[in-house]
Amino acid sequence: MLNRKPKKLRQIMNMKFFKLLSYSSEKFKLQLRPEFVSTANENYPNNQSWGQITPGIKKILPGQSSLRFDLGGISLSVSTQNLWWGPGIYNSMLMSNNAPGFFHYSVSSNRPLQSFIGNLQFQIVSGTLRSDTTQGYENYGLKKRPLNNERYFNGLAISYQPAFMKNVSFGITRSFQNY
């Protein structure tokens, strides 16, 4: 019965974890790229004011997965991909790939939007950030801290390249978190 299904559907059903799977049409793009995370914490010196032994982690996360719909130069997407916002070469200013990506919705340009005054690119993101409650906080002496586990996040990034100034661009980013 499985052999009668379309080839693309067989590939999805037989997918092994951690293998990049993607489907692309003119307007629709799907990427499944889960990640496996495993940590093992050994005993280390700690005291009342610093450190706490936390359990090891073994998780399968959605990783760099996304679903995107293109409408001309604009894209609507649902994703857990990492975002990198900022002009830094070695570090980003606002968002980076240091931690796992979070579930978010996005409206963005999928290529520079051209006009007579120059090129414009943008991305608007909205999602929920969650903390791992089993792990300690670095700014709290590596101890567990009771916090609200969910925060609402939204952000906006805009980049403008004037038509009359080649190799020059201006950008602005804004983010907001609400506990």
Foldseek 3Di string as FASTA:
>chain_A
DLVVDDPLVNCVVPPDAQDWDWDDDPFKIWIFGKDWDWDQFDDDDDDPQADDTFHIDTDIGSAFTKIWGDDDQKIKIWTQYFDAAADDPVHHDPTDPPDGGFTKIKIWGPDFDQDQFFTKTKMKIKGKAFDDQRWADPVRNRHGDDDDGIKIKIKMKMKTDTPVDPPDIDIDMDMDIGD
